[in-house]
């Protein structure tokens, strides 16, 4: 998640109904059968909020995947490769 939305700046961490918008996805994932909830971001504040709600933020998303033109699939591919390069065995992925 990048922090640079053009229409709603900082939307992922804007408060909605009492908590940051990103918290709803994290809490839903943590309440499911998902083993790990990983947030891919280049934004320090988003990283901090994600960790506060129980997500892992094990890396900083590269600059080339952090702009308005970055597609979702390369971002997911980067996260999977980063985790596998460090010994994780990825069986399935869910993008929220």
Protein backbone atom coordinates (compact mmCIF):
# COMPACT_ATOMS: atom_id res chain seq x y z
CA UNK A 1 0.00 0.00 0.00
CA UNK A 2 1.28 3.33 -0.95
CA UNK A 3 0.38 6.49 0.84
CA UNK A 4 0.06 8.64 -2.25
CA UNK A 5 -3.58 8.32 -3.35
CA UNK A 6 -4.56 11.22 -5.57
CA UNK A 7 -8.30 11.23 -4.82
CA UNK A 8 -8.17 10.56 -1.06
CA UNK A 9 -4.71 11.30 0.34
CA UNK A 10 -3.59 8.83 3.06
CA UNK A 11 -6.80 6.83 2.54
CA UNK A 12 -5.46 3.57 3.99
CA UNK A 13 -4.92 5.15 7.38
CA UNK A 14 -7.88 7.55 7.38
CA UNK A 15 -10.22 6.86 10.27
CA UNK A 16 -13.55 5.34 9.29
CA UNK A 17 -16.05 4.39 11.96
CA UNK A 18 -13.44 4.59 14.69
CA UNK A 19 -10.37 2.98 13.16
CA UNK A 20 -8.05 3.22 10.15
CA UNK A 21 -9.47 1.77 6.94
CA UNK A 22 -6.55 -0.68 6.66
CA UNK A 23 -7.51 -2.15 10.05
CA UNK A 24 -10.70 -3.68 8.65
CA UNK A 25 -8.85 -5.83 6.10
CA UNK A 26 -6.20 -6.83 8.61
CA UNK A 27 -8.74 -7.81 11.26
CA UNK A 28 -10.82 -9.77 8.74
CA UNK A 29 -7.74 -11.68 7.58
CA UNK A 30 -6.58 -12.35 11.15
CA UNK A 31 -10.06 -13.66 11.98
CA UNK A 32 -9.94 -16.14 9.11
CA UNK A 33 -7.85 -19.23 8.49
CA UNK A 34 -5.03 -17.18 6.95
CA UNK A 35 -1.66 -18.02 8.56
CA UNK A 36 0.10 -14.69 8.05
CA UNK A 37 -1.14 -11.24 7.21
CA UNK A 38 1.52 -9.31 5.33
CA UNK A 39 1.21 -5.70 4.25
CA UNK A 40 3.32 -4.52 1.33
CA UNK A 41 4.00 -0.79 1.59
CA UNK A 42 6.65 1.84 1.07
CA UNK A 43 5.01 4.15 3.61
CA UNK A 44 6.35 4.27 7.18
CA UNK A 45 3.06 5.45 8.69
CA UNK A 46 1.02 2.75 6.94
CA UNK A 47 3.58 0.22 8.14
CA UNK A 48 3.22 1.43 11.73
CA UNK A 49 -0.59 1.27 11.65
CA UNK A 50 -0.56 -2.18 10.00
CA UNK A 51 1.74 -3.52 12.72
CA UNK A 52 -0.47 -2.00 15.44
CA UNK A 53 -3.37 -4.06 14.11
CA UNK A 54 -1.38 -7.30 13.95
CA UNK A 55 -0.06 -7.47 10.38
CA UNK A 56 3.52 -8.25 9.47
CA UNK A 57 5.43 -5.68 7.43
CA UNK A 58 8.69 -7.56 6.82
CA UNK A 59 10.00 -5.42 3.94
CA UNK A 60 9.72 -2.02 2.33
CA UNK A 61 8.10 -2.16 -1.09
CA UNK A 62 10.58 -1.11 -3.80
CA UNK A 63 10.20 2.31 -5.38
CA UNK A 64 9.37 0.89 -8.82
CA UNK A 65 6.32 -0.86 -7.27
CA UNK A 66 5.21 2.17 -5.26
CA UNK A 67 3.88 4.59 -7.83
CA UNK A 68 0.49 5.31 -9.41
CA UNK A 69 1.29 2.98 -12.32
CA UNK A 70 2.28 -0.10 -10.30
CA UNK A 71 -0.06 -3.01 -10.97
CA UNK A 72 -1.23 -5.39 -8.26
CA UNK A 73 0.27 -8.59 -9.73
CA UNK A 74 3.90 -7.40 -9.67
CA UNK A 75 3.43 -6.20 -6.08
CA UNK A 76 2.10 -9.61 -5.05
CA UNK A 77 4.86 -11.37 -7.00
CA UNK A 78 7.48 -9.26 -5.19
CA UNK A 79 6.00 -10.12 -1.77
CA UNK A 80 5.90 -13.86 -2.56
CA UNK A 81 9.47 -13.88 -3.88
CA UNK A 82 10.71 -11.90 -0.87
CA UNK A 83 9.12 -14.38 1.54
CA UNK A 84 10.25 -17.48 -0.39
CA UNK A 85 13.81 -16.15 -0.66
CA UNK A 86 13.84 -16.14 3.14
CA UNK A 87 12.56 -19.69 3.56
CA UNK A 88 8.79 -19.34 3.60
CA UNK A 89 6.77 -21.96 1.76
CA UNK A 90 3.84 -20.19 0.08
CA UNK A 91 0.90 -22.46 -0.71
CA UNK A 92 -1.73 -19.84 -1.37
CA UNK A 93 -2.16 -16.07 -1.43
CA UNK A 94 -5.14 -13.82 -0.84
CA UNK A 95 -5.03 -10.16 -1.81
CA UNK A 96 -7.29 -7.86 0.17
